[in-house]
Amino acid sequence: MSSEFLTTDELSARIKYDVRTIRERLKDSVLLEGVHYFRPFGGRKILYIWESIQRDMMVESRIRPVGMVGIPMANGGVLHA
């Protein structure tokens, strides 16, 4: 396993988001434990998995380009208005 692990400060510098935004808004809503980050040895420290974040960062942009208007449907589709 050769993943690159980042602290919150290092991730902040890479993705240009404030450390506080990562901790309060992205963690556990966009960045998921076990997918994008983990707690080594069950402790409090958090390490982010750069490859997972890099892979998933642009997924939404590829699915729904900026400026595309639509109404999200329960089945996962979009009603284009």
PDB file of N, CA and C in Angstrom:
ATOM      1  N   MET A   1       0.844  -1.173   0.000  1.00  0.00           N
ATOM      2  CA  MET A   1       0.000   0.000   0.000  1.00  0.00           C
ATOM      3  C   MET A   1       0.890   1.237   0.000  1.00  0.00           C
ATOM      4  N   SER A   2       0.745   2.082  -1.013  1.00  0.00           N
ATOM      5  CA  SER A   2       1.610   3.258  -1.110  1.00  0.00           C
ATOM      6  C   SER A   2       0.773   4.522  -1.252  1.00  0.00           C
ATOM      7  N   SER A   3      -0.155   4.738  -0.350  1.00  0.00           N
ATOM      8  CA  SER A   3      -0.986   5.937  -0.365  1.00  0.00           C
ATOM      9  C   SER A   3      -0.250   7.084   0.315  1.00  0.00           C
ATOM     10  N   GLU A   4      -0.610   8.281  -0.071  1.00  0.00           N
ATOM     11  CA  GLU A   4      -0.037   9.464   0.558  1.00  0.00           C
ATOM     12  C   GLU A   4      -1.041   9.980   1.584  1.00  0.00           C
ATOM     13  N   PHE A   5      -0.606  10.103   2.822  1.00  0.00           N
ATOM     14  CA  PHE A   5      -1.471  10.540   3.909  1.00  0.00           C
ATOM     15  C   PHE A   5      -1.142  11.984   4.260  1.00  0.00           C
ATOM     16  N   LEU A   6      -2.184  12.807   4.460  1.00  0.00           N
ATOM     17  CA  LEU A   6      -2.012  14.215   4.738  1.00  0.00           C
ATOM     18  C   LEU A   6      -2.707  14.613   6.032  1.00  0.00           C
ATOM     19  N   THR A   7      -2.131  15.557   6.734  1.00  0.00           N
ATOM     20  CA  THR A   7      -2.811  16.146   7.885  1.00  0.00           C
ATOM     21  C   THR A   7      -3.840  17.142   7.353  1.00  0.00           C
ATOM     22  N   THR A   8      -4.671  17.670   8.231  1.00  0.00           N
ATOM     23  CA  THR A   8      -5.668  18.656   7.819  1.00  0.00           C
ATOM     24  C   THR A   8      -4.996  19.903   7.248  1.00  0.00           C
ATOM     25  N   ASP A   9      -3.903  20.337   7.854  1.00  0.00           N
ATOM     26  CA  ASP A   9      -3.171  21.510   7.347  1.00  0.00           C
ATOM     27  C   ASP A   9      -2.614  21.266   5.951  1.00  0.00           C
ATOM     28  N   GLU A  10      -2.048  20.091   5.723  1.00  0.00           N
ATOM     29  CA  GLU A  10      -1.489  19.759   4.408  1.00  0.00           C
ATOM     30  C   GLU A  10      -2.592  19.651   3.355  1.00  0.00           C
ATOM     31  N   LEU A  11      -3.722  19.054   3.731  1.00  0.00           N
ATOM     32  CA  LEU A  11      -4.850  18.961   2.798  1.00  0.00           C
ATOM     33  C   LEU A  11      -5.367  20.354   2.460  1.00  0.00           C
ATOM     34  N   SER A  12      -5.454  21.209   3.456  1.00  0.00           N
ATOM     35  CA  SER A  12      -5.911  22.582   3.263  1.00  0.00           C
ATOM     36  C   SER A  12      -5.067  23.304   2.217  1.00  0.00           C
ATOM     37  N   ALA A  13      -3.767  23.147   2.299  1.00  0.00           N
ATOM     38  CA  ALA A  13      -2.865  23.790   1.348  1.00  0.00           C
ATOM     39  C   ALA A  13      -3.057  23.237  -0.069  1.00  0.00           C
ATOM     40  N   ARG A  14      -3.362  21.961  -0.177  1.00  0.00           N
ATOM     41  CA  ARG A  14      -3.520  21.349  -1.508  1.00  0.00           C
ATOM     42  C   ARG A  14      -4.831  21.701  -2.182  1.00  0.00           C
ATOM     43  N   ILE A  15      -5.924  21.701  -1.426  1.00  0.00           N
ATOM     44  CA  ILE A  15      -7.226  21.921  -2.065  1.00  0.00           C
ATOM     45  C   ILE A  15      -7.720  23.360  -1.910  1.00  0.00           C
ATOM     46  N   LYS A  16      -6.929  24.204  -1.247  1.00  0.00           N
ATOM     47  CA  LYS A  16      -7.239  25.631  -1.107  1.00  0.00           C
ATOM     48  C   LYS A  16      -8.542  25.883  -0.353  1.00  0.00           C
ATOM     49  N   TYR A  17      -8.797  25.073   0.661  1.00  0.00           N
ATOM     50  CA  TYR A  17      -9.914  25.288   1.584  1.00  0.00           C
ATOM     51  C   TYR A  17      -9.324  25.557   2.954  1.00  0.00           C
ATOM     52  N   ASP A  18      -9.972  26.411   3.720  1.00  0.00           N
ATOM     53  CA  ASP A  18      -9.526  26.705   5.068  1.00  0.00           C
ATOM     54  C   ASP A  18      -9.613  25.446   5.933  1.00  0.00           C
ATOM     55  N   VAL A  19      -8.683  25.303   6.870  1.00  0.00           N
ATOM     56  CA  VAL A  19      -8.661  24.152   7.776  1.00  0.00           C
ATOM     57  C   VAL A  19      -9.996  24.016   8.494  1.00  0.00           C
ATOM     58  N   ARG A  20     -10.530  25.127   8.939  1.00  0.00           N
ATOM     59  CA  ARG A  20     -11.811  25.115   9.656  1.00  0.00           C
ATOM     60  C   ARG A  20     -12.950  24.604   8.766  1.00  0.00           C
ATOM     61  N   THR A  21     -12.956  24.988   7.505  1.00  0.00           N
ATOM     62  CA  THR A  21     -13.976  24.519   6.565  1.00  0.00           C
ATOM     63  C   THR A  21     -13.881  23.007   6.389  1.00  0.00           C
ATOM     64  N   ILE A  22     -12.670  22.497   6.286  1.00  0.00           N
ATOM     65  CA  ILE A  22     -12.481  21.053   6.147  1.00  0.00           C
ATOM     66  C   ILE A  22     -13.041  20.334   7.375  1.00  0.00           C
ATOM     67  N   ARG A  23     -12.694  20.820   8.546  1.00  0.00           N
ATOM     68  CA  ARG A  23     -13.126  20.163   9.787  1.00  0.00           C
ATOM     69  C   ARG A  23     -14.625  20.279  10.035  1.00  0.00           C
ATOM     70  N   GLU A  24     -15.209  21.434   9.744  1.00  0.00           N
ATOM     71  CA  GLU A  24     -16.596  21.686  10.116  1.00  0.00           C
ATOM     72  C   GLU A  24     -17.608  21.404   9.014  1.00  0.00           C
ATOM     73  N   ARG A  25     -17.216  21.549   7.738  1.00  0.00           N
ATOM     74  CA  ARG A  25     -18.198  21.415   6.674  1.00  0.00           C
ATOM     75  C   ARG A  25     -17.974  20.221   5.757  1.00  0.00           C
ATOM     76  N   LEU A  26     -16.707  19.874   5.496  1.00  0.00           N
ATOM     77  CA  LEU A  26     -16.439  18.793   4.552  1.00  0.00           C
ATOM     78  C   LEU A  26     -16.340  17.428   5.218  1.00  0.00           C
ATOM     79  N   LYS A  27     -15.701  17.388   6.392  1.00  0.00           N
ATOM     80  CA  LYS A  27     -15.511  16.116   7.081  1.00  0.00           C
ATOM     81  C   LYS A  27     -16.870  15.552   7.491  1.00  0.00           C
ATOM     82  N   ASP A  28     -17.096  14.305   7.170  1.00  0.00           N
ATOM     83  CA  ASP A  28     -18.314  13.550   7.467  1.00  0.00           C
ATOM     84  C   ASP A  28     -19.524  13.929   6.617  1.00  0.00           C
ATOM     85  N   SER A  29     -19.371  14.857   5.671  1.00  0.00           N
ATOM     86  CA  SER A  29     -20.450  15.098   4.721  1.00  0.00           C
ATOM     87  C   SER A  29     -19.952  14.787   3.314  1.00  0.00           C
ATOM     88  N   VAL A  30     -18.781  15.284   2.979  1.00  0.00           N
ATOM     89  CA  VAL A  30     -18.166  15.019   1.677  1.00  0.00           C
ATOM     90  C   VAL A  30     -16.985  14.071   1.836  1.00  0.00           C
ATOM     91  N   LEU A  31     -16.184  14.335   2.847  1.00  0.00           N
ATOM     92  CA  LEU A  31     -15.029  13.481   3.144  1.00  0.00           C
ATOM     93  C   LEU A  31     -15.457  12.469   4.202  1.00  0.00           C
ATOM     94  N   LEU A  32     -15.460  11.212   3.835  1.00  0.00           N
ATOM     95  CA  LEU A  32     -16.014  10.168   4.690  1.00  0.00           C
ATOM     96  C   LEU A  32     -14.932   9.321   5.344  1.00  0.00           C
ATOM     97  N   GLU A  33     -15.160   9.007   6.620  1.00  0.00           N
ATOM     98  CA  GLU A  33     -14.218   8.163   7.347  1.00  0.00           C
ATOM     99  C   GLU A  33     -14.200   6.772   6.725  1.00  0.00           C
ATOM    100  N   GLY A  34     -13.025   6.245   6.529  1.00  0.00           N
ATOM    101  CA  GLY A  34     -12.868   4.939   5.906  1.00  0.00           C
ATOM    102  C   GLY A  34     -12.711   5.012   4.397  1.00  0.00           C
ATOM    103  N   VAL A  35     -13.105   6.136   3.802  1.00  0.00           N
ATOM    104  CA  VAL A  35     -12.950   6.344   2.364  1.00  0.00           C
ATOM    105  C   VAL A  35     -11.896   7.417   2.105  1.00  0.00           C
ATOM    106  N   HIS A  36     -12.083   8.572   2.715  1.00  0.00           N
ATOM    107  CA  HIS A  36     -11.198   9.713   2.495  1.00  0.00           C
ATOM    108  C   HIS A  36     -10.252   9.987   3.665  1.00  0.00           C
ATOM    109  N   TYR A  37     -10.580   9.487   4.837  1.00  0.00           N
ATOM    110  CA  TYR A  37      -9.691   9.683   5.973  1.00  0.00           C
ATOM    111  C   TYR A  37      -9.835   8.546   6.968  1.00  0.00           C
ATOM    112  N   PHE A  38      -8.870   8.453   7.867  1.00  0.00           N
ATOM    113  CA  PHE A  38      -8.907   7.446   8.928  1.00  0.00           C
ATOM    114  C   PHE A  38      -8.214   8.013  10.161  1.00  0.00           C
ATOM    115  N   ARG A  39      -8.417   7.335  11.259  1.00  0.00           N
ATOM    116  CA  ARG A  39      -7.798   7.715  12.530  1.00  0.00           C
ATOM    117  C   ARG A  39      -6.792   6.621  12.888  1.00  0.00           C
ATOM    118  N   PRO A  40      -5.491   6.890  12.707  1.00  0.00           N
ATOM    119  CA  PRO A  40      -4.491   5.856  12.970  1.00  0.00           C
ATOM    120  C   PRO A  40      -4.530   5.381  14.421  1.00  0.00           C
ATOM    121  N   PHE A  41      -4.483   4.095  14.580  1.00  0.00           N
ATOM    122  CA  PHE A  41      -4.441   3.443  15.890  1.00  0.00           C
ATOM    123  C   PHE A  41      -5.643   3.807  16.757  1.00  0.00           C
ATOM    124  N   GLY A  42      -6.765   4.185  16.125  1.00  0.00           N
ATOM    125  CA  GLY A  42      -7.975   4.500  16.865  1.00  0.00           C
ATOM    126  C   GLY A  42      -7.904   5.780  17.668  1.00  0.00           C
ATOM    127  N   GLY A  43      -6.940   6.631  17.378  1.00  0.00           N
ATOM    128  CA  GLY A  43      -6.754   7.869  18.142  1.00  0.00           C
ATOM    129  C   GLY A  43      -7.586   9.023  17.620  1.00  0.00           C
ATOM    130  N   ARG A  44      -7.252  10.201  18.073  1.00  0.00           N
ATOM    131  CA  ARG A  44      -7.980  11.413  17.681  1.00  0.00           C
ATOM    132  C   ARG A  44      -7.439  12.029  16.397  1.00  0.00           C
ATOM    133  N   LYS A  45      -6.170  11.803  16.123  1.00  0.00           N
ATOM    134  CA  LYS A  45      -5.539  12.387  14.936  1.00  0.00           C
ATOM    135  C   LYS A  45      -6.208  11.845  13.673  1.00  0.00           C
ATOM    136  N   ILE A  46      -6.367  12.716  12.697  1.00  0.00           N
ATOM    137  CA  ILE A  46      -6.978  12.329  11.425  1.00  0.00           C
ATOM    138  C   ILE A  46      -5.935  12.459  10.326  1.00  0.00           C
ATOM    139  N   LEU A  47      -5.840  11.430   9.494  1.00  0.00           N
ATOM    140  CA  LEU A  47      -4.998  11.478   8.301  1.00  0.00           C
ATOM    141  C   LEU A  47      -5.894  11.290   7.079  1.00  0.00           C
ATOM    142  N   TYR A  48      -5.724  12.162   6.118  1.00  0.00           N
ATOM    143  CA  TYR A  48      -6.517  12.117   4.891  1.00  0.00           C
ATOM    144  C   TYR A  48      -5.768  11.333   3.824  1.00  0.00           C
ATOM    145  N   ILE A  49      -6.492  10.567   3.042  1.00  0.00           N
ATOM    146  CA  ILE A  49      -5.921   9.738   1.979  1.00  0.00           C
ATOM    147  C   ILE A  49      -6.011  10.536   0.677  1.00  0.00           C
ATOM    148  N   TRP A  50      -4.880  11.073   0.243  1.00  0.00           N
ATOM    149  CA  TRP A  50      -4.858  11.991  -0.892  1.00  0.00           C
ATOM    150  C   TRP A  50      -5.413  11.355  -2.170  1.00  0.00           C
ATOM    151  N   GLU A  51      -5.065  10.137  -2.459  1.00  0.00           N
ATOM    152  CA  GLU A  51      -5.524   9.491  -3.699  1.00  0.00           C
ATOM    153  C   GLU A  51      -7.055   9.415  -3.754  1.00  0.00           C
ATOM    154  N   SER A  52      -7.693   9.096  -2.644  1.00  0.00           N
ATOM    155  CA  SER A  52      -9.158   9.005  -2.595  1.00  0.00           C
ATOM    156  C   SER A  52      -9.800  10.376  -2.780  1.00  0.00           C
ATOM    157  N   ILE A  53      -9.238  11.374  -2.141  1.00  0.00           N
ATOM    158  CA  ILE A  53      -9.780  12.725  -2.261  1.00  0.00           C
ATOM    159  C   ILE A  53      -9.596  13.244  -3.677  1.00  0.00           C
ATOM    160  N   GLN A  54      -8.424  13.040  -4.225  1.00  0.00           N
ATOM    161  CA  GLN A  54      -8.137  13.483  -5.584  1.00  0.00           C
ATOM    162  C   GLN A  54      -9.070  12.795  -6.587  1.00  0.00           C
ATOM    163  N   ARG A  55      -9.320  11.519  -6.394  1.00  0.00           N
ATOM    164  CA  ARG A  55     -10.203  10.750  -7.280  1.00  0.00           C
ATOM    165  C   ARG A  55     -11.633  11.282  -7.227  1.00  0.00           C
ATOM    166  N   ASP A  56     -12.121  11.609  -6.028  1.00  0.00           N
ATOM    167  CA  ASP A  56     -13.529  11.958  -5.854  1.00  0.00           C
ATOM    168  C   ASP A  56     -13.813  13.451  -5.921  1.00  0.00           C
ATOM    169  N   MET A  57     -12.786  14.287  -5.918  1.00  0.00           N
ATOM    170  CA  MET A  57     -12.977  15.724  -5.863  1.00  0.00           C
ATOM    171  C   MET A  57     -13.775  16.270  -7.049  1.00  0.00           C
ATOM    172  N   MET A  58     -13.587  15.750  -8.228  1.00  0.00           N
ATOM    173  CA  MET A  58     -14.241  16.293  -9.412  1.00  0.00           C
ATOM    174  C   MET A  58     -15.400  15.447  -9.913  1.00  0.00           C
ATOM    175  N   VAL A  59     -15.790  14.428  -9.181  1.00  0.00           N
ATOM    176  CA  VAL A  59     -16.868  13.549  -9.636  1.00  0.00           C
ATOM    177  C   VAL A  59     -18.148  14.330  -9.902  1.00  0.00           C
ATOM    178  N   GLU A  60     -18.551  15.179  -8.984  1.00  0.00           N
ATOM    179  CA  GLU A  60     -19.780  15.941  -9.147  1.00  0.00           C
ATOM    180  C   GLU A  60     -19.714  16.853 -10.364  1.00  0.00           C
ATOM    181  N   SER A  61     -18.554  17.440 -10.640  1.00  0.00           N
ATOM    182  CA  SER A  61     -18.403  18.315 -11.798  1.00  0.00           C
ATOM    183  C   SER A  61     -18.550  17.543 -13.106  1.00  0.00           C
ATOM    184  N   ARG A  62     -18.089  16.307 -13.123  1.00  0.00           N
ATOM    185  CA  ARG A  62     -18.227  15.494 -14.330  1.00  0.00           C
ATOM    186  C   ARG A  62     -19.667  15.072 -14.537  1.00  0.00           C
ATOM    187  N   ILE A  63     -20.376  14.812 -13.442  1.00  0.00           N
ATOM    188  CA  ILE A  63     -21.775  14.380 -13.538  1.00  0.00           C
ATOM    189  C   ILE A  63     -22.673  15.560 -13.878  1.00  0.00           C
ATOM    190  N   ARG A  64     -22.479  16.687 -13.218  1.00  0.00           N
ATOM    191  CA  ARG A  64     -23.328  17.860 -13.395  1.00  0.00           C
ATOM    192  C   ARG A  64     -22.444  19.080 -13.612  1.00  0.00           C
ATOM    193  N   PRO A  65     -22.183  19.462 -14.865  1.00  0.00           N
ATOM    194  CA  PRO A  65     -21.333  20.621 -15.141  1.00  0.00           C
ATOM    195  C   PRO A  65     -21.895  21.895 -14.520  1.00  0.00           C
ATOM    196  N   VAL A  66     -21.012  22.835 -14.202  1.00  0.00           N
ATOM    197  CA  VAL A  66     -21.402  24.104 -13.604  1.00  0.00           C
ATOM    198  C   VAL A  66     -22.372  24.822 -14.529  1.00  0.00           C
ATOM    199  N   GLY A  67     -23.433  25.374 -13.963  1.00  0.00           N
ATOM    200  CA  GLY A  67     -24.408  26.107 -14.748  1.00  0.00           C
ATOM    201  C   GLY A  67     -25.569  25.258 -15.222  1.00  0.00           C
ATOM    202  N   MET A  68     -25.483  23.947 -15.098  1.00  0.00           N
ATOM    203  CA  MET A  68     -26.574  23.089 -15.528  1.00  0.00           C
ATOM    204  C   MET A  68     -27.703  23.173 -14.508  1.00  0.00           C
ATOM    205  N   VAL A  69     -28.894  23.507 -14.970  1.00  0.00           N
ATOM    206  CA  VAL A  69     -30.030  23.657 -14.083  1.00  0.00           C
ATOM    207  C   VAL A  69     -30.871  22.392 -14.147  1.00  0.00           C
ATOM    208  N   GLY A  70     -31.293  21.910 -13.010  1.00  0.00           N
ATOM    209  CA  GLY A  70     -32.141  20.731 -12.967  1.00  0.00           C
ATOM    210  C   GLY A  70     -32.690  20.504 -11.577  1.00  0.00           C
ATOM    211  N   ILE A  71     -33.719  19.688 -11.513  1.00  0.00           N
ATOM    212  CA  ILE A  71     -34.341  19.347 -10.246  1.00  0.00           C
ATOM    213  C   ILE A  71     -33.976  17.916  -9.933  1.00  0.00           C
ATOM    214  N   PRO A  72     -33.298  17.669  -8.790  1.00  0.00           N
ATOM    215  CA  PRO A  72     -32.915  16.296  -8.441  1.00  0.00           C
ATOM    216  C   PRO A  72     -34.143  15.437  -8.159  1.00  0.00           C
ATOM    217  N   MET A  73     -34.131  14.224  -8.658  1.00  0.00           N
ATOM    218  CA  MET A  73     -35.239  13.289  -8.475  1.00  0.00           C
ATOM    219  C   MET A  73     -34.842  12.225  -7.437  1.00  0.00           C
ATOM    220  N   ALA A  74     -35.821  11.609  -6.815  1.00  0.00           N
ATOM    221  CA  ALA A  74     -35.585  10.611  -5.773  1.00  0.00           C
ATOM    222  C   ALA A  74     -34.790   9.422  -6.289  1.00  0.00           C
ATOM    223  N   ASN A  75     -34.939   9.070  -7.550  1.00  0.00           N
ATOM    224  CA  ASN A  75     -34.236   7.902  -8.102  1.00  0.00           C
ATOM    225  C   ASN A  75     -32.813   8.204  -8.520  1.00  0.00           C
ATOM    226  N   GLY A  76     -32.353   9.434  -8.262  1.00  0.00           N
ATOM    227  CA  GLY A  76     -30.989   9.803  -8.605  1.00  0.00           C
ATOM    228  C   GLY A  76     -30.869  10.556  -9.915  1.00  0.00           C
ATOM    229  N   GLY A  77     -31.949  10.603 -10.681  1.00  0.00           N
ATOM    230  CA  GLY A  77     -31.940  11.347 -11.950  1.00  0.00           C
ATOM    231  C   GLY A  77     -32.150  12.832 -11.725  1.00  0.00           C
ATOM    232  N   VAL A  78     -32.185  13.568 -12.834  1.00  0.00           N
ATOM    233  CA  VAL A  78     -32.394  15.022 -12.775  1.00  0.00           C
ATOM    234  C   VAL A  78     -33.432  15.403 -13.806  1.00  0.00           C
ATOM    235  N   LEU A  79     -34.406  16.203 -13.385  1.00  0.00           N
ATOM    236  CA  LEU A  79     -35.406  16.754 -14.290  1.00  0.00           C
ATOM    237  C   LEU A  79     -34.865  18.073 -14.810  1.00  0.00           C
ATOM    238  N   HIS A  80     -34.605  18.141 -16.096  1.00  0.00           N
ATOM    239  CA  HIS A  80     -34.028  19.356 -16.689  1.00  0.00           C
ATOM    240  C   HIS A  80     -35.137  20.369 -16.944  1.00  0.00           C
ATOM    241  N   ALA A  81     -34.971  21.544 -16.359  1.00  0.00           N
ATOM    242  CA  ALA A  81     -36.002  22.581 -16.461  1.00  0.00           C
ATOM    243  C   ALA A  81     -35.738  23.496 -17.625  1.00  0.00           C
TER     244      ALA A  81
END
